[in-house]
Structure formats: structure tokens, C-alpha cells
């Protein structure tokens, strides 16, 4: 499966995403990475069945200008509406509160997080993406989310001393599918067997008819 990965911003280095996805490269996933959105064109996503958005609304780690222009957002809207799969991980939900099209596609966006702390990730109900999942607790940024669509199927929750939040959900968007996973600031989270399972199952779910 060919997957386009958009990653790297001021607060979230591409190295974490690349190392976190690395184990999946041995399982038939072929990842193409773009770290600077100046190297991206709207037509580029058409050649991929799934796009991973693991980048906040910055061009790169050194250029904090917002990349999600109206044209760029329109390309994502068309991509998902016409059957593409979108997986937003952690920072892929950050900085998009004013990007109304992407916000609507995701169904919810990041608002804030406390200082890093011990965060427990656990399932909510049952979903094919969480088949085989075991709860885990690791140091992470506990993302607090603003839900903007009511058609979400929430399958994951995160909790810490600061409260409880939705941490994973899916939704249909036109002919395409969307999955959101909010944990993942630290590489230790990405490499945890339960998070690897979520990544793997999410990618497979996004391309199922």
C-alpha cells in the first residue's frame, strides 16, 4: 500500500514520525514523506490511496507560515470526497481550528494540552481498528479536542490527571474515510505495540470498501 506522509513542524520533528512508521515498512506499506509543504502540490495526493497528516498547520519546522490555504484545503476535500483515505495523527489535528474545510473533514481539532504527563489510552466500545488492542499508559501530550461533527464513531479515549478526552475516531466523508488518532508526541508512544496495532489497523480500514 502506497501512503503519502506529511510530517515535520516546529514542535513535532519528522524523525519521530519516520521512526514510528518504520516497523510498518516491513509489512507491505510504502511510505513517501514530505517534510516541507513547499515541495507539495495538490495533484500529488492523487497517486496515493491514503494520506497520513502528521503535521500541524506549518510549512515546515523552520517555516511556521500556514500551509492550509483555500486551494490546499480544497484539494484535500476533493481527495477524500472521491474515495481517498486520510489518517490524522497527533499534530495532524493542530493549528486547523480556522481551516474550516480540513476541520470539517477531520470532525474535530486540537485546542490545547497541559504539560506532558502520564496518559492512559483505552478503547471506547468496539471497532475493528481496536481488535487486539491493549490499554497502555505512557508520558505524552494529552490532547484536548474540540469536536465539530456529530457523525464521529469514537473508539479510543485518553485520560490523565487533567481529565478524559476522545483520542481516536473515524468518520465517512463522501466516498472516502477519515481516521484520527490524537496520541503520539513521543516516539515511545509510536513504538508501543498497541499504537503500532492502531496504525496498522487504521491504514487497512481506510482502504476497505
C-alpha atoms as a PDB file:
ATOM      1  CA  UNK A   1       0.000   0.000   0.000  1.00  0.00           C
ATOM      2  CA  UNK A   2       1.463   3.375  -1.031  1.00  0.00           C
ATOM      3  CA  UNK A   3       0.974   6.030   1.625  1.00  0.00           C
ATOM      4  CA  UNK A   4       1.859   9.728   1.432  1.00  0.00           C
ATOM      5  CA  UNK A   5       3.039  11.117   4.772  1.00  0.00           C
ATOM      6  CA  UNK A   6       3.006  14.841   5.520  1.00  0.00           C
ATOM      7  CA  UNK A   7       5.120  15.480   8.614  1.00  0.00           C
ATOM      8  CA  UNK A   8       7.533  17.861  10.370  1.00  0.00           C
ATOM      9  CA  UNK A   9       6.601  21.097  12.065  1.00  0.00           C
ATOM     10  CA  UNK A  10       8.049  23.428  14.672  1.00  0.00           C
ATOM     11  CA  UNK A  11       7.053  21.218  17.602  1.00  0.00           C
ATOM     12  CA  UNK A  12       6.950  17.754  16.029  1.00  0.00           C
ATOM     13  CA  UNK A  13      10.057  16.574  14.160  1.00  0.00           C
ATOM     14  CA  UNK A  14       9.747  14.312  11.158  1.00  0.00           C
ATOM     15  CA  UNK A  15      12.195  11.895  12.766  1.00  0.00           C
ATOM     16  CA  UNK A  16       9.557  10.779  15.276  1.00  0.00           C
ATOM     17  CA  UNK A  17       7.002  10.039  12.557  1.00  0.00           C
ATOM     18  CA  UNK A  18       9.514   8.267  10.317  1.00  0.00           C
ATOM     19  CA  UNK A  19      10.845   6.126  13.152  1.00  0.00           C
ATOM     20  CA  UNK A  20       7.313   5.433  14.358  1.00  0.00           C
ATOM     21  CA  UNK A  21       6.167   4.238  10.944  1.00  0.00           C
ATOM     22  CA  UNK A  22       9.404   2.401  10.232  1.00  0.00           C
ATOM     23  CA  UNK A  23       8.294  -1.002  11.570  1.00  0.00           C
ATOM     24  CA  UNK A  24       5.303  -0.986   9.211  1.00  0.00           C
ATOM     25  CA  UNK A  25       7.551  -0.726   6.176  1.00  0.00           C
ATOM     26  CA  UNK A  26       8.257  -4.430   6.587  1.00  0.00           C
ATOM     27  CA  UNK A  27       4.538  -5.221   6.312  1.00  0.00           C
ATOM     28  CA  UNK A  28       3.819  -4.066   2.798  1.00  0.00           C
ATOM     29  CA  UNK A  29       3.425  -0.329   3.434  1.00  0.00           C
ATOM     30  CA  UNK A  30       5.422   2.022   1.211  1.00  0.00           C
ATOM     31  CA  UNK A  31       5.747   5.498   2.724  1.00  0.00           C
ATOM     32  CA  UNK A  32       6.601   8.641   0.794  1.00  0.00           C
ATOM     33  CA  UNK A  33       7.472  11.563   3.077  1.00  0.00           C
ATOM     34  CA  UNK A  34       7.051  15.278   2.538  1.00  0.00           C
ATOM     35  CA  UNK A  35       8.528  17.464   5.276  1.00  0.00           C
ATOM     36  CA  UNK A  36       8.199  20.891   3.657  1.00  0.00           C
ATOM     37  CA  UNK A  37       4.831  21.749   2.143  1.00  0.00           C
ATOM     38  CA  UNK A  38       6.651  23.942  -0.359  1.00  0.00           C
ATOM     39  CA  UNK A  39       7.520  20.606  -2.007  1.00  0.00           C
ATOM     40  CA  UNK A  40       3.866  19.544  -2.122  1.00  0.00           C
ATOM     41  CA  UNK A  41       1.380  20.156  -4.913  1.00  0.00           C
ATOM     42  CA  UNK A  42      -2.372  19.450  -4.791  1.00  0.00           C
ATOM     43  CA  UNK A  43      -2.097  16.907  -7.615  1.00  0.00           C
ATOM     44  CA  UNK A  44       0.448  14.888  -5.676  1.00  0.00           C
ATOM     45  CA  UNK A  45      -2.067  13.195  -3.385  1.00  0.00           C
ATOM     46  CA  UNK A  46      -3.998  11.684  -6.291  1.00  0.00           C
ATOM     47  CA  UNK A  47      -1.452   8.878  -6.640  1.00  0.00           C
ATOM     48  CA  UNK A  48      -1.943   7.559  -3.104  1.00  0.00           C
ATOM     49  CA  UNK A  49      -4.746   5.551  -1.539  1.00  0.00           C
ATOM     50  CA  UNK A  50      -4.035   7.014   1.899  1.00  0.00           C
ATOM     51  CA  UNK A  51      -2.546  10.251   3.178  1.00  0.00           C
ATOM     52  CA  UNK A  52      -1.164  10.497   6.715  1.00  0.00           C
ATOM     53  CA  UNK A  53      -1.352  14.030   8.104  1.00  0.00           C
ATOM     54  CA  UNK A  54       1.160  14.223  10.966  1.00  0.00           C
ATOM     55  CA  UNK A  55       1.956  17.905  10.618  1.00  0.00           C
ATOM     56  CA  UNK A  56       0.427  20.959  12.235  1.00  0.00           C
ATOM     57  CA  UNK A  57      -0.508  23.900  10.057  1.00  0.00           C
ATOM     58  CA  UNK A  58       3.118  24.921   9.358  1.00  0.00           C
ATOM     59  CA  UNK A  59       5.059  24.622   6.127  1.00  0.00           C
ATOM     60  CA  UNK A  60       7.986  23.017   7.980  1.00  0.00           C
ATOM     61  CA  UNK A  61       9.946  23.019  11.222  1.00  0.00           C
ATOM     62  CA  UNK A  62      11.659  26.258  10.196  1.00  0.00           C
ATOM     63  CA  UNK A  63       8.802  27.945   8.324  1.00  0.00           C
ATOM     64  CA  UNK A  64       5.750  28.440  10.526  1.00  0.00           C
ATOM     65  CA  UNK A  65       3.557  30.009   7.849  1.00  0.00           C
ATOM     66  CA  UNK A  66       0.230  28.202   7.475  1.00  0.00           C
ATOM     67  CA  UNK A  67       0.202  25.780   4.551  1.00  0.00           C
ATOM     68  CA  UNK A  68      -3.555  25.079   4.582  1.00  0.00           C
ATOM     69  CA  UNK A  69      -4.619  27.684   2.036  1.00  0.00           C
ATOM     70  CA  UNK A  70      -8.061  27.539   0.485  1.00  0.00           C
ATOM     71  CA  UNK A  71      -6.551  25.821  -2.557  1.00  0.00           C
ATOM     72  CA  UNK A  72      -4.758  23.221  -0.432  1.00  0.00           C
ATOM     73  CA  UNK A  73      -7.847  22.527   1.661  1.00  0.00           C
ATOM     74  CA  UNK A  74      -9.935  22.174  -1.482  1.00  0.00           C
ATOM     75  CA  UNK A  75      -7.506  19.517  -2.748  1.00  0.00           C
ATOM     76  CA  UNK A  76      -7.960  17.510   0.454  1.00  0.00           C
ATOM     77  CA  UNK A  77     -11.724  17.893   0.254  1.00  0.00           C
ATOM     78  CA  UNK A  78     -11.770  16.573  -3.311  1.00  0.00           C
ATOM     79  CA  UNK A  79      -9.352  13.750  -2.453  1.00  0.00           C
ATOM     80  CA  UNK A  80     -11.414  12.377   0.419  1.00  0.00           C
ATOM     81  CA  UNK A  81     -14.794  13.048  -1.185  1.00  0.00           C
ATOM     82  CA  UNK A  82     -13.701  10.950  -4.166  1.00  0.00           C
ATOM     83  CA  UNK A  83     -12.595   7.937  -2.128  1.00  0.00           C
ATOM     84  CA  UNK A  84      -9.228   8.759  -0.591  1.00  0.00           C
ATOM     85  CA  UNK A  85      -8.309   7.774   2.958  1.00  0.00           C
ATOM     86  CA  UNK A  86      -7.000  10.315   5.473  1.00  0.00           C
ATOM     87  CA  UNK A  87      -5.275   9.387   8.733  1.00  0.00           C
ATOM     88  CA  UNK A  88      -4.541  12.347  11.022  1.00  0.00           C
ATOM     89  CA  UNK A  89      -2.116  11.582  13.843  1.00  0.00           C
ATOM     90  CA  UNK A  90      -1.397  13.858  16.825  1.00  0.00           C
ATOM     91  CA  UNK A  91      -0.117  17.144  15.352  1.00  0.00           C
ATOM     92  CA  UNK A  92      -2.195  16.477  12.243  1.00  0.00           C
ATOM     93  CA  UNK A  93      -5.088  17.910  14.261  1.00  0.00           C
ATOM     94  CA  UNK A  94      -3.233  21.033  15.475  1.00  0.00           C
ATOM     95  CA  UNK A  95      -3.493  24.514  14.027  1.00  0.00           C
ATOM     96  CA  UNK A  96      -6.554  23.744  11.908  1.00  0.00           C
ATOM     97  CA  UNK A  97      -9.238  25.396  14.019  1.00  0.00           C
ATOM     98  CA  UNK A  98      -9.546  28.236  11.492  1.00  0.00           C
ATOM     99  CA  UNK A  99      -9.015  25.942   8.488  1.00  0.00           C
ATOM    100  CA  UNK A 100     -12.717  25.241   8.138  1.00  0.00           C
ATOM    101  CA  UNK A 101     -12.527  22.655   5.343  1.00  0.00           C
ATOM    102  CA  UNK A 102      -9.880  20.469   6.972  1.00  0.00           C
ATOM    103  CA  UNK A 103     -11.579  20.935  10.337  1.00  0.00           C
ATOM    104  CA  UNK A 104     -14.797  19.629   8.828  1.00  0.00           C
ATOM    105  CA  UNK A 105     -13.066  16.665   7.199  1.00  0.00           C
ATOM    106  CA  UNK A 106     -11.388  15.652  10.462  1.00  0.00           C
ATOM    107  CA  UNK A 107     -14.519  16.197  12.522  1.00  0.00           C
ATOM    108  CA  UNK A 108     -12.568  17.644  15.433  1.00  0.00           C
ATOM    109  CA  UNK A 109      -9.401  19.627  16.104  1.00  0.00           C
ATOM    110  CA  UNK A 110      -6.817  20.171  18.826  1.00  0.00           C
ATOM    111  CA  UNK A 111      -7.361  23.069  21.215  1.00  0.00           C
ATOM    112  CA  UNK A 112      -4.645  22.730  23.878  1.00  0.00           C
ATOM    113  CA  UNK A 113      -2.637  20.362  26.040  1.00  0.00           C
ATOM    114  CA  UNK A 114      -1.172  20.544  29.554  1.00  0.00           C
ATOM    115  CA  UNK A 115       2.485  19.796  30.179  1.00  0.00           C
ATOM    116  CA  UNK A 116       3.461  16.271  29.264  1.00  0.00           C
ATOM    117  CA  UNK A 117       2.198  13.751  31.791  1.00  0.00           C
ATOM    118  CA  UNK A 118       1.242  10.115  32.154  1.00  0.00           C
ATOM    119  CA  UNK A 119      -1.615   9.459  29.731  1.00  0.00           C
ATOM    120  CA  UNK A 120      -3.672   6.271  29.613  1.00  0.00           C
ATOM    121  CA  UNK A 121      -5.109   5.227  26.262  1.00  0.00           C
ATOM    122  CA  UNK A 122      -8.055   2.825  26.267  1.00  0.00           C
ATOM    123  CA  UNK A 123     -10.847   1.665  23.993  1.00  0.00           C
ATOM    124  CA  UNK A 124     -14.385   3.009  23.806  1.00  0.00           C
ATOM    125  CA  UNK A 125     -16.862   0.353  22.701  1.00  0.00           C
ATOM    126  CA  UNK A 126     -15.761  -1.935  19.876  1.00  0.00           C
ATOM    127  CA  UNK A 127     -14.310  -1.231  16.461  1.00  0.00           C
ATOM    128  CA  UNK A 128     -12.298  -3.285  14.002  1.00  0.00           C
ATOM    129  CA  UNK A 129      -9.401  -0.833  14.412  1.00  0.00           C
ATOM    130  CA  UNK A 130      -9.038  -1.788  18.082  1.00  0.00           C
ATOM    131  CA  UNK A 131      -9.166  -5.569  17.560  1.00  0.00           C
ATOM    132  CA  UNK A 132      -6.350  -6.928  19.745  1.00  0.00           C
ATOM    133  CA  UNK A 133      -5.663  -3.569  21.408  1.00  0.00           C
ATOM    134  CA  UNK A 134      -4.391  -3.491  24.996  1.00  0.00           C
ATOM    135  CA  UNK A 135      -4.635  -0.281  27.071  1.00  0.00           C
ATOM    136  CA  UNK A 136      -1.335   1.453  27.816  1.00  0.00           C
ATOM    137  CA  UNK A 137      -0.015   4.349  29.891  1.00  0.00           C
ATOM    138  CA  UNK A 138       2.959   6.455  28.765  1.00  0.00           C
ATOM    139  CA  UNK A 139       4.236  10.015  29.035  1.00  0.00           C
ATOM    140  CA  UNK A 140       2.662  12.061  26.259  1.00  0.00           C
ATOM    141  CA  UNK A 141       0.999  15.347  25.404  1.00  0.00           C
ATOM    142  CA  UNK A 142      -2.614  14.912  26.465  1.00  0.00           C
ATOM    143  CA  UNK A 143      -4.504  16.497  23.598  1.00  0.00           C
ATOM    144  CA  UNK A 144      -7.780  18.239  24.349  1.00  0.00           C
ATOM    145  CA  UNK A 145     -10.085  18.294  21.360  1.00  0.00           C
ATOM    146  CA  UNK A 146     -12.985  20.349  20.042  1.00  0.00           C
ATOM    147  CA  UNK A 147     -15.473  18.088  18.278  1.00  0.00           C
ATOM    148  CA  UNK A 148     -17.153  19.852  15.355  1.00  0.00           C
ATOM    149  CA  UNK A 149     -19.090  16.995  13.718  1.00  0.00           C
ATOM    150  CA  UNK A 150     -21.587  14.742  15.436  1.00  0.00           C
ATOM    151  CA  UNK A 151     -21.165  11.862  12.979  1.00  0.00           C
ATOM    152  CA  UNK A 152     -17.998  10.554  14.601  1.00  0.00           C
ATOM    153  CA  UNK A 153     -17.560   6.973  15.760  1.00  0.00           C
ATOM    154  CA  UNK A 154     -15.231   7.347  18.752  1.00  0.00           C
ATOM    155  CA  UNK A 155     -13.283   4.158  19.510  1.00  0.00           C
ATOM    156  CA  UNK A 156     -10.465   5.445  21.716  1.00  0.00           C
ATOM    157  CA  UNK A 157     -10.178   7.631  24.811  1.00  0.00           C
ATOM    158  CA  UNK A 158      -7.248   9.206  26.643  1.00  0.00           C
ATOM    159  CA  UNK A 159      -7.219  10.106  30.319  1.00  0.00           C
ATOM    160  CA  UNK A 160      -4.805  11.733  32.728  1.00  0.00           C
ATOM    161  CA  UNK A 161      -4.875  13.794  35.898  1.00  0.00           C
ATOM    162  CA  UNK A 162      -6.294  16.569  33.697  1.00  0.00           C
ATOM    163  CA  UNK A 163      -9.389  14.689  32.557  1.00  0.00           C
ATOM    164  CA  UNK A 164     -10.644  12.453  29.763  1.00  0.00           C
ATOM    165  CA  UNK A 165     -10.753  13.125  26.025  1.00  0.00           C
ATOM    166  CA  UNK A 166     -11.687  11.362  22.786  1.00  0.00           C
ATOM    167  CA  UNK A 167      -8.414  10.024  21.378  1.00  0.00           C
ATOM    168  CA  UNK A 168      -9.452   8.135  18.273  1.00  0.00           C
ATOM    169  CA  UNK A 169     -12.407   8.246  15.907  1.00  0.00           C
ATOM    170  CA  UNK A 170     -13.493   7.543  12.369  1.00  0.00           C
ATOM    171  CA  UNK A 171     -15.997   9.072  10.009  1.00  0.00           C
ATOM    172  CA  UNK A 172     -17.059   8.786   6.393  1.00  0.00           C
ATOM    173  CA  UNK A 173     -16.630  11.805   4.156  1.00  0.00           C
ATOM    174  CA  UNK A 174     -18.214  11.462   0.749  1.00  0.00           C
ATOM    175  CA  UNK A 175     -16.802   8.293  -0.785  1.00  0.00           C
ATOM    176  CA  UNK A 176     -13.718   8.439   1.444  1.00  0.00           C
ATOM    177  CA  UNK A 177     -12.844   7.615   5.029  1.00  0.00           C
ATOM    178  CA  UNK A 178     -11.158   9.550   7.811  1.00  0.00           C
ATOM    179  CA  UNK A 179      -9.424   8.318  10.952  1.00  0.00           C
ATOM    180  CA  UNK A 180      -7.993  10.468  13.745  1.00  0.00           C
ATOM    181  CA  UNK A 181      -5.520   9.359  16.437  1.00  0.00           C
ATOM    182  CA  UNK A 182      -4.529  12.035  18.962  1.00  0.00           C
ATOM    183  CA  UNK A 183      -1.687  10.360  20.939  1.00  0.00           C
ATOM    184  CA  UNK A 184       1.846  10.377  19.626  1.00  0.00           C
ATOM    185  CA  UNK A 185       4.093  13.247  20.670  1.00  0.00           C
ATOM    186  CA  UNK A 186       6.885  10.930  21.759  1.00  0.00           C
ATOM    187  CA  UNK A 187       8.483   8.097  19.822  1.00  0.00           C
ATOM    188  CA  UNK A 188       7.915   5.740  22.754  1.00  0.00           C
ATOM    189  CA  UNK A 189       4.169   6.077  22.121  1.00  0.00           C
ATOM    190  CA  UNK A 190       4.505   5.384  18.379  1.00  0.00           C
ATOM    191  CA  UNK A 191       6.584   2.273  19.002  1.00  0.00           C
ATOM    192  CA  UNK A 192       4.329   0.808  21.682  1.00  0.00           C
ATOM    193  CA  UNK A 193       2.794  -2.433  20.346  1.00  0.00           C
ATOM    194  CA  UNK A 194      -0.752  -1.167  20.952  1.00  0.00           C
ATOM    195  CA  UNK A 195      -0.126   2.043  18.998  1.00  0.00           C
ATOM    196  CA  UNK A 196       1.550   0.098  16.195  1.00  0.00           C
ATOM    197  CA  UNK A 197      -1.605  -2.034  16.058  1.00  0.00           C
ATOM    198  CA  UNK A 198      -3.754   1.105  15.790  1.00  0.00           C
ATOM    199  CA  UNK A 199      -1.616   2.440  12.950  1.00  0.00           C
ATOM    200  CA  UNK A 200      -1.711  -0.838  11.059  1.00  0.00           C
ATOM    201  CA  UNK A 201      -5.436  -1.406  11.538  1.00  0.00           C
ATOM    202  CA  UNK A 202      -6.276   2.207  10.679  1.00  0.00           C
ATOM    203  CA  UNK A 203      -4.406   2.041   7.391  1.00  0.00           C
ATOM    204  CA  UNK A 204      -6.125  -1.188   6.439  1.00  0.00           C
ATOM    205  CA  UNK A 205      -9.555   0.158   7.454  1.00  0.00           C
ATOM    206  CA  UNK A 206      -9.104   3.284   5.352  1.00  0.00           C
ATOM    207  CA  UNK A 207      -8.783   1.295   2.121  1.00  0.00           C
ATOM    208  CA  UNK A 208     -11.552  -1.216   2.781  1.00  0.00           C
ATOM    209  CA  UNK A 209     -14.606  -0.803   0.522  1.00  0.00           C
END
